Amino acid sequence: MRAVLDAAEEICRAGGTSLANVLRAHHFVSDLNVVYPALQIWREKLGPSPIPFGAVRTKLPIPDCSIVMDMWAYYSGR
């Protein structure tokens, strides 16, 4: 999850926004036991701010992958 959020943070920064502007973060997980640790890593990044966090258990198409995330962030500038 740290690698995913680090990459998402980089993408946000390149687009002129940040993880603080995430509107939706859907997490597709192969095992529900990864949800709480993933949420804790979001907390490390955003502190007490609300986290737009949703999780769905499903079979993932990537072998040995436990989480895939779909995230939307908004740009608040020009």
PDB file of N, CA and C in Angstrom:
ATOM      1  N   MET A   1       0.819  -1.185   0.000  1.00  0.00           N
ATOM      2  CA  MET A   1       0.000   0.000   0.000  1.00  0.00           C
ATOM      3  C   MET A   1       0.862   1.248   0.000  1.00  0.00           C
ATOM      4  N   ARG A   2       1.993   1.197   0.694  1.00  0.00           N
ATOM      5  CA  ARG A   2       2.886   2.370   0.665  1.00  0.00           C
ATOM      6  C   ARG A   2       3.347   2.664  -0.753  1.00  0.00           C
ATOM      7  N   ALA A   3       3.708   1.621  -1.500  1.00  0.00           N
ATOM      8  CA  ALA A   3       4.162   1.812  -2.886  1.00  0.00           C
ATOM      9  C   ALA A   3       3.036   2.387  -3.742  1.00  0.00           C
ATOM     10  N   VAL A   4       1.831   1.900  -3.542  1.00  0.00           N
ATOM     11  CA  VAL A   4       0.674   2.395  -4.302  1.00  0.00           C
ATOM     12  C   VAL A   4       0.427   3.864  -3.980  1.00  0.00           C
ATOM     13  N   LEU A   5       0.428   4.211  -2.700  1.00  0.00           N
ATOM     14  CA  LEU A   5       0.174   5.604  -2.319  1.00  0.00           C
ATOM     15  C   LEU A   5       1.322   6.526  -2.701  1.00  0.00           C
ATOM     16  N   ASP A   6       2.550   6.032  -2.658  1.00  0.00           N
ATOM     17  CA  ASP A   6       3.684   6.845  -3.117  1.00  0.00           C
ATOM     18  C   ASP A   6       3.521   7.168  -4.600  1.00  0.00           C
ATOM     19  N   ALA A   7       3.133   6.175  -5.392  1.00  0.00           N
ATOM     20  CA  ALA A   7       2.918   6.392  -6.829  1.00  0.00           C
ATOM     21  C   ALA A   7       1.730   7.334  -7.054  1.00  0.00           C
ATOM     22  N   ALA A   8       0.656   7.150  -6.294  1.00  0.00           N
ATOM     23  CA  ALA A   8      -0.514   8.020  -6.418  1.00  0.00           C
ATOM     24  C   ALA A   8      -0.162   9.456  -6.047  1.00  0.00           C
ATOM     25  N   GLU A   9       0.655   9.604  -5.027  1.00  0.00           N
ATOM     26  CA  GLU A   9       1.092  10.934  -4.599  1.00  0.00           C
ATOM     27  C   GLU A   9       1.898  11.619  -5.705  1.00  0.00           C
ATOM     28  N   GLU A  10       2.754  10.857  -6.360  1.00  0.00           N
ATOM     29  CA  GLU A  10       3.548  11.379  -7.474  1.00  0.00           C
ATOM     30  C   GLU A  10       2.659  11.810  -8.640  1.00  0.00           C
ATOM     31  N   ILE A  11       1.668  10.983  -8.959  1.00  0.00           N
ATOM     32  CA  ILE A  11       0.735  11.301 -10.041  1.00  0.00           C
ATOM     33  C   ILE A  11      -0.060  12.556  -9.692  1.00  0.00           C
ATOM     34  N   CYS A  12      -0.536  12.635  -8.458  1.00  0.00           N
ATOM     35  CA  CYS A  12      -1.265  13.827  -8.017  1.00  0.00           C
ATOM     36  C   CYS A  12      -0.396  15.072  -8.143  1.00  0.00           C
ATOM     37  N   ARG A  13       0.819  14.983  -7.657  1.00  0.00           N
ATOM     38  CA  ARG A  13       1.734  16.120  -7.706  1.00  0.00           C
ATOM     39  C   ARG A  13       1.972  16.568  -9.148  1.00  0.00           C
ATOM     40  N   ALA A  14       2.160  15.620 -10.063  1.00  0.00           N
ATOM     41  CA  ALA A  14       2.370  15.940 -11.477  1.00  0.00           C
ATOM     42  C   ALA A  14       1.139  16.626 -12.066  1.00  0.00           C
ATOM     43  N   GLY A  15      -0.036  16.312 -11.531  1.00  0.00           N
ATOM     44  CA  GLY A  15      -1.272  16.930 -11.998  1.00  0.00           C
ATOM     45  C   GLY A  15      -1.647  18.193 -11.242  1.00  0.00           C
ATOM     46  N   GLY A  16      -0.784  18.632 -10.349  1.00  0.00           N
ATOM     47  CA  GLY A  16      -1.026  19.867  -9.613  1.00  0.00           C
ATOM     48  C   GLY A  16      -1.968  19.720  -8.430  1.00  0.00           C
ATOM     49  N   THR A  17      -2.084  18.521  -7.889  1.00  0.00           N
ATOM     50  CA  THR A  17      -2.957  18.303  -6.737  1.00  0.00           C
ATOM     51  C   THR A  17      -2.243  17.432  -5.705  1.00  0.00           C
ATOM     52  N   SER A  18      -2.972  16.864  -4.755  1.00  0.00           N
ATOM     53  CA  SER A  18      -2.347  16.048  -3.716  1.00  0.00           C
ATOM     54  C   SER A  18      -3.316  14.967  -3.235  1.00  0.00           C
ATOM     55  N   LEU A  19      -2.814  14.062  -2.427  1.00  0.00           N
ATOM     56  CA  LEU A  19      -3.673  13.029  -1.849  1.00  0.00           C
ATOM     57  C   LEU A  19      -4.766  13.637  -0.973  1.00  0.00           C
ATOM     58  N   ALA A  20      -4.530  14.826  -0.460  1.00  0.00           N
ATOM     59  CA  ALA A  20      -5.544  15.501   0.354  1.00  0.00           C
ATOM     60  C   ALA A  20      -6.792  15.823  -0.468  1.00  0.00           C
ATOM     61  N   ASN A  21      -6.662  15.836  -1.799  1.00  0.00           N
ATOM     62  CA  ASN A  21      -7.794  16.138  -2.680  1.00  0.00           C
ATOM     63  C   ASN A  21      -8.417  14.887  -3.292  1.00  0.00           C
ATOM     64  N   VAL A  22      -8.186  13.755  -2.693  1.00  0.00           N
ATOM     65  CA  VAL A  22      -8.793  12.519  -3.188  1.00  0.00           C
ATOM     66  C   VAL A  22     -10.270  12.514  -2.821  1.00  0.00           C
ATOM     67  N   LEU A  23     -11.098  12.271  -3.823  1.00  0.00           N
ATOM     68  CA  LEU A  23     -12.553  12.210  -3.620  1.00  0.00           C
ATOM     69  C   LEU A  23     -13.034  10.787  -3.407  1.00  0.00           C
ATOM     70  N   ARG A  24     -12.356   9.845  -4.047  1.00  0.00           N
ATOM     71  CA  ARG A  24     -12.792   8.447  -4.000  1.00  0.00           C
ATOM     72  C   ARG A  24     -11.571   7.562  -4.107  1.00  0.00           C
ATOM     73  N   ALA A  25     -11.514   6.548  -3.276  1.00  0.00           N
ATOM     74  CA  ALA A  25     -10.434   5.558  -3.343  1.00  0.00           C
ATOM     75  C   ALA A  25     -11.058   4.185  -3.119  1.00  0.00           C
ATOM     76  N   HIS A  26     -11.301   3.483  -4.218  1.00  0.00           N
ATOM     77  CA  HIS A  26     -11.839   2.126  -4.126  1.00  0.00           C
ATOM     78  C   HIS A  26     -10.686   1.144  -4.103  1.00  0.00           C
ATOM     79  N   HIS A  27     -10.701   0.279  -3.137  1.00  0.00           N
ATOM     80  CA  HIS A  27      -9.651  -0.728  -2.979  1.00  0.00           C
ATOM     81  C   HIS A  27     -10.255  -2.090  -3.291  1.00  0.00           C
ATOM     82  N   PHE A  28      -9.694  -2.758  -4.258  1.00  0.00           N
ATOM     83  CA  PHE A  28     -10.129  -4.102  -4.608  1.00  0.00           C
ATOM     84  C   PHE A  28      -9.102  -5.041  -3.997  1.00  0.00           C
ATOM     85  N   VAL A  29      -9.551  -5.902  -3.106  1.00  0.00           N
ATOM     86  CA  VAL A  29      -8.638  -6.744  -2.337  1.00  0.00           C
ATOM     87  C   VAL A  29      -8.969  -8.218  -2.527  1.00  0.00           C
ATOM     88  N   SER A  30      -7.928  -9.034  -2.480  1.00  0.00           N
ATOM     89  CA  SER A  30      -8.129 -10.479  -2.581  1.00  0.00           C
ATOM     90  C   SER A  30      -8.417 -11.090  -1.207  1.00  0.00           C
ATOM     91  N   ASP A  31      -8.079 -10.351  -0.145  1.00  0.00           N
ATOM     92  CA  ASP A  31      -8.250 -10.831   1.227  1.00  0.00           C
ATOM     93  C   ASP A  31      -8.640  -9.632   2.097  1.00  0.00           C
ATOM     94  N   LEU A  32      -9.745  -9.724   2.790  1.00  0.00           N
ATOM     95  CA  LEU A  32     -10.199  -8.603   3.612  1.00  0.00           C
ATOM     96  C   LEU A  32      -9.239  -8.258   4.748  1.00  0.00           C
ATOM     97  N   ASN A  33      -8.329  -9.142   5.067  1.00  0.00           N
ATOM     98  CA  ASN A  33      -7.346  -8.868   6.125  1.00  0.00           C
ATOM     99  C   ASN A  33      -6.360  -7.775   5.748  1.00  0.00           C
ATOM    100  N   VAL A  34      -6.291  -7.372   4.488  1.00  0.00           N
ATOM    101  CA  VAL A  34      -5.378  -6.293   4.090  1.00  0.00           C
ATOM    102  C   VAL A  34      -6.027  -4.913   4.219  1.00  0.00           C
ATOM    103  N   VAL A  35      -7.336  -4.875   4.478  1.00  0.00           N
ATOM    104  CA  VAL A  35      -8.040  -3.596   4.517  1.00  0.00           C
ATOM    105  C   VAL A  35      -7.576  -2.718   5.686  1.00  0.00           C
ATOM    106  N   TYR A  36      -7.544  -3.248   6.884  1.00  0.00           N
ATOM    107  CA  TYR A  36      -7.145  -2.423   8.039  1.00  0.00           C
ATOM    108  C   TYR A  36      -5.703  -1.919   7.913  1.00  0.00           C
ATOM    109  N   PRO A  37      -4.730  -2.779   7.554  1.00  0.00           N
ATOM    110  CA  PRO A  37      -3.375  -2.249   7.369  1.00  0.00           C
ATOM    111  C   PRO A  37      -3.310  -1.174   6.278  1.00  0.00           C
ATOM    112  N   ALA A  38      -4.073  -1.343   5.199  1.00  0.00           N
ATOM    113  CA  ALA A  38      -4.090  -0.328   4.141  1.00  0.00           C
ATOM    114  C   ALA A  38      -4.644   0.990   4.679  1.00  0.00           C
ATOM    115  N   LEU A  39      -5.695   0.915   5.465  1.00  0.00           N
ATOM    116  CA  LEU A  39      -6.280   2.107   6.064  1.00  0.00           C
ATOM    117  C   LEU A  39      -5.278   2.814   6.972  1.00  0.00           C
ATOM    118  N   GLN A  40      -4.484   2.069   7.705  1.00  0.00           N
ATOM    119  CA  GLN A  40      -3.469   2.658   8.578  1.00  0.00           C
ATOM    120  C   GLN A  40      -2.403   3.410   7.781  1.00  0.00           C
ATOM    121  N   ILE A  41      -2.061   2.895   6.619  1.00  0.00           N
ATOM    122  CA  ILE A  41      -1.070   3.587   5.780  1.00  0.00           C
ATOM    123  C   ILE A  41      -1.663   4.881   5.221  1.00  0.00           C
ATOM    124  N   TRP A  42      -2.950   4.875   4.867  1.00  0.00           N
ATOM    125  CA  TRP A  42      -3.615   6.125   4.501  1.00  0.00           C
ATOM    126  C   TRP A  42      -3.518   7.114   5.658  1.00  0.00           C
ATOM    127  N   ARG A  43      -3.747   6.651   6.888  1.00  0.00           N
ATOM    128  CA  ARG A  43      -3.667   7.523   8.067  1.00  0.00           C
ATOM    129  C   ARG A  43      -2.281   8.152   8.201  1.00  0.00           C
ATOM    130  N   GLU A  44      -1.233   7.357   7.926  1.00  0.00           N
ATOM    131  CA  GLU A  44       0.134   7.893   7.968  1.00  0.00           C
ATOM    132  C   GLU A  44       0.284   9.047   6.990  1.00  0.00           C
ATOM    133  N   LYS A  45      -0.342   8.926   5.827  1.00  0.00           N
ATOM    134  CA  LYS A  45      -0.224   9.947   4.779  1.00  0.00           C
ATOM    135  C   LYS A  45      -1.091  11.172   5.056  1.00  0.00           C
ATOM    136  N   LEU A  46      -2.332  10.966   5.523  1.00  0.00           N
ATOM    137  CA  LEU A  46      -3.288  12.064   5.641  1.00  0.00           C
ATOM    138  C   LEU A  46      -3.587  12.511   7.064  1.00  0.00           C
ATOM    139  N   GLY A  47      -3.065  11.791   8.046  1.00  0.00           N
ATOM    140  CA  GLY A  47      -3.356  12.163   9.431  1.00  0.00           C
ATOM    141  C   GLY A  47      -4.829  11.996   9.739  1.00  0.00           C
ATOM    142  N   PRO A  48      -5.412  12.922  10.506  1.00  0.00           N
ATOM    143  CA  PRO A  48      -6.803  12.761  10.930  1.00  0.00           C
ATOM    144  C   PRO A  48      -7.845  13.158   9.871  1.00  0.00           C
ATOM    145  N   SER A  49      -7.409  13.596   8.701  1.00  0.00           N
ATOM    146  CA  SER A  49      -8.357  13.981   7.651  1.00  0.00           C
ATOM    147  C   SER A  49      -9.228  12.795   7.248  1.00  0.00           C
ATOM    148  N   PRO A  50     -10.454  13.068   6.809  1.00  0.00           N
ATOM    149  CA  PRO A  50     -11.315  11.980   6.343  1.00  0.00           C
ATOM    150  C   PRO A  50     -10.691  11.263   5.144  1.00  0.00           C
ATOM    151  N   ILE A  51     -10.892   9.966   5.085  1.00  0.00           N
ATOM    152  CA  ILE A  51     -10.340   9.166   3.991  1.00  0.00           C
ATOM    153  C   ILE A  51     -11.512   8.601   3.188  1.00  0.00           C
ATOM    154  N   PRO A  52     -11.553   8.895   1.887  1.00  0.00           N
ATOM    155  CA  PRO A  52     -12.627   8.379   1.038  1.00  0.00           C
ATOM    156  C   PRO A  52     -12.342   6.926   0.666  1.00  0.00           C
ATOM    157  N   PHE A  53     -12.499   6.046   1.616  1.00  0.00           N
ATOM    158  CA  PHE A  53     -12.008   4.673   1.522  1.00  0.00           C
ATOM    159  C   PHE A  53     -13.161   3.691   1.371  1.00  0.00           C
ATOM    160  N   GLY A  54     -13.103   2.876   0.335  1.00  0.00           N
ATOM    161  CA  GLY A  54     -14.056   1.795   0.157  1.00  0.00           C
ATOM    162  C   GLY A  54     -13.287   0.547  -0.237  1.00  0.00           C
ATOM    163  N   ALA A  55     -13.744  -0.617   0.175  1.00  0.00           N
ATOM    164  CA  ALA A  55     -13.039  -1.860  -0.160  1.00  0.00           C
ATOM    165  C   ALA A  55     -14.043  -2.920  -0.616  1.00  0.00           C
ATOM    166  N   VAL A  56     -13.614  -3.665  -1.627  1.00  0.00           N
ATOM    167  CA  VAL A  56     -14.413  -4.750  -2.181  1.00  0.00           C
ATOM    168  C   VAL A  56     -13.516  -5.970  -2.306  1.00  0.00           C
ATOM    169  N   ARG A  57     -13.984  -7.100  -1.781  1.00  0.00           N
ATOM    170  CA  ARG A  57     -13.209  -8.331  -1.930  1.00  0.00           C
ATOM    171  C   ARG A  57     -13.562  -8.957  -3.277  1.00  0.00           C
ATOM    172  N   THR A  58     -12.524  -9.312  -4.023  1.00  0.00           N
ATOM    173  CA  THR A  58     -12.711  -9.897  -5.342  1.00  0.00           C
ATOM    174  C   THR A  58     -11.475 -10.698  -5.731  1.00  0.00           C
ATOM    175  N   LYS A  59     -11.592 -11.473  -6.745  1.00  0.00           N
ATOM    176  CA  LYS A  59     -10.425 -12.170  -7.282  1.00  0.00           C
ATOM    177  C   LYS A  59      -9.691 -11.185  -8.184  1.00  0.00           C
ATOM    178  N   LEU A  60      -8.413 -10.991  -7.917  1.00  0.00           N
ATOM    179  CA  LEU A  60      -7.625 -10.030  -8.696  1.00  0.00           C
ATOM    180  C   LEU A  60      -6.931 -10.735  -9.859  1.00  0.00           C
ATOM    181  N   PRO A  61      -6.814 -10.048 -10.990  1.00  0.00           N
ATOM    182  CA  PRO A  61      -6.217 -10.671 -12.177  1.00  0.00           C
ATOM    183  C   PRO A  61      -4.699 -10.783 -12.141  1.00  0.00           C
ATOM    184  N   ILE A  62      -4.067 -10.187 -11.141  1.00  0.00           N
ATOM    185  CA  ILE A  62      -2.607 -10.176 -11.060  1.00  0.00           C
ATOM    186  C   ILE A  62      -2.171 -11.206 -10.019  1.00  0.00           C
ATOM    187  N   PRO A  63      -1.406 -12.217 -10.419  1.00  0.00           N
ATOM    188  CA  PRO A  63      -0.972 -13.241  -9.451  1.00  0.00           C
ATOM    189  C   PRO A  63      -0.215 -12.630  -8.269  1.00  0.00           C
ATOM    190  N   ASP A  64      -0.493 -13.122  -7.083  1.00  0.00           N
ATOM    191  CA  ASP A  64       0.159 -12.698  -5.836  1.00  0.00           C
ATOM    192  C   ASP A  64      -0.070 -11.230  -5.474  1.00  0.00           C
ATOM    193  N   CYS A  65      -1.021 -10.600  -6.108  1.00  0.00           N
ATOM    194  CA  CYS A  65      -1.367  -9.215  -5.781  1.00  0.00           C
ATOM    195  C   CYS A  65      -2.501  -9.242  -4.763  1.00  0.00           C
ATOM    196  N   SER A  66      -2.407  -8.431  -3.720  1.00  0.00           N
ATOM    197  CA  SER A  66      -3.449  -8.443  -2.696  1.00  0.00           C
ATOM    198  C   SER A  66      -4.338  -7.207  -2.733  1.00  0.00           C
ATOM    199  N   ILE A  67      -3.913  -6.144  -3.466  1.00  0.00           N
ATOM    200  CA  ILE A  67      -4.724  -4.921  -3.497  1.00  0.00           C
ATOM    201  C   ILE A  67      -4.506  -4.169  -4.806  1.00  0.00           C
ATOM    202  N   VAL A  68      -5.604  -3.671  -5.357  1.00  0.00           N
ATOM    203  CA  VAL A  68      -5.590  -2.791  -6.530  1.00  0.00           C
ATOM    204  C   VAL A  68      -6.470  -1.611  -6.164  1.00  0.00           C
ATOM    205  N   MET A  69      -6.031  -0.398  -6.504  1.00  0.00           N
ATOM    206  CA  MET A  69      -6.786   0.781  -6.105  1.00  0.00           C
ATOM    207  C   MET A  69      -7.196   1.610  -7.314  1.00  0.00           C
ATOM    208  N   ASP A  70      -8.424   2.123  -7.272  1.00  0.00           N
ATOM    209  CA  ASP A  70      -8.946   3.071  -8.247  1.00  0.00           C
ATOM    210  C   ASP A  70      -9.210   4.354  -7.471  1.00  0.00           C
ATOM    211  N   MET A  71      -8.570   5.443  -7.884  1.00  0.00           N
ATOM    212  CA  MET A  71      -8.635   6.664  -7.100  1.00  0.00           C
ATOM    213  C   MET A  71      -8.967   7.859  -7.982  1.00  0.00           C
ATOM    214  N   TRP A  72      -9.797   8.763  -7.492  1.00  0.00           N
ATOM    215  CA  TRP A  72     -10.089  10.024  -8.156  1.00  0.00           C
ATOM    216  C   TRP A  72      -9.651  11.158  -7.239  1.00  0.00           C
ATOM    217  N   ALA A  73      -8.956  12.134  -7.818  1.00  0.00           N
ATOM    218  CA  ALA A  73      -8.565  13.325  -7.068  1.00  0.00           C
ATOM    219  C   ALA A  73      -8.954  14.545  -7.891  1.00  0.00           C
ATOM    220  N   TYR A  74      -9.275  15.638  -7.223  1.00  0.00           N
ATOM    221  CA  TYR A  74      -9.637  16.842  -7.958  1.00  0.00           C
ATOM    222  C   TYR A  74      -8.496  17.847  -7.937  1.00  0.00           C
ATOM    223  N   TYR A  75      -8.513  18.697  -8.942  1.00  0.00           N
ATOM    224  CA  TYR A  75      -7.549  19.771  -9.100  1.00  0.00           C
ATOM    225  C   TYR A  75      -8.252  21.066  -8.720  1.00  0.00           C
ATOM    226  N   SER A  76      -7.710  21.775  -7.760  1.00  0.00           N
ATOM    227  CA  SER A  76      -8.397  22.964  -7.266  1.00  0.00           C
ATOM    228  C   SER A  76      -7.848  24.270  -7.837  1.00  0.00           C
ATOM    229  N   GLY A  77      -6.873  24.178  -8.714  1.00  0.00           N
ATOM    230  CA  GLY A  77      -6.296  25.390  -9.306  1.00  0.00           C
ATOM    231  C   GLY A  77      -6.911  25.710 -10.651  1.00  0.00           C
ATOM    232  N   ARG A  78      -6.224  26.556 -11.411  1.00  0.00           N
ATOM    233  CA  ARG A  78      -6.683  26.920 -12.758  1.00  0.00           C
ATOM    234  C   ARG A  78      -6.548  25.813 -13.732  1.00  0.00           C
TER     235      ARG A  78
END
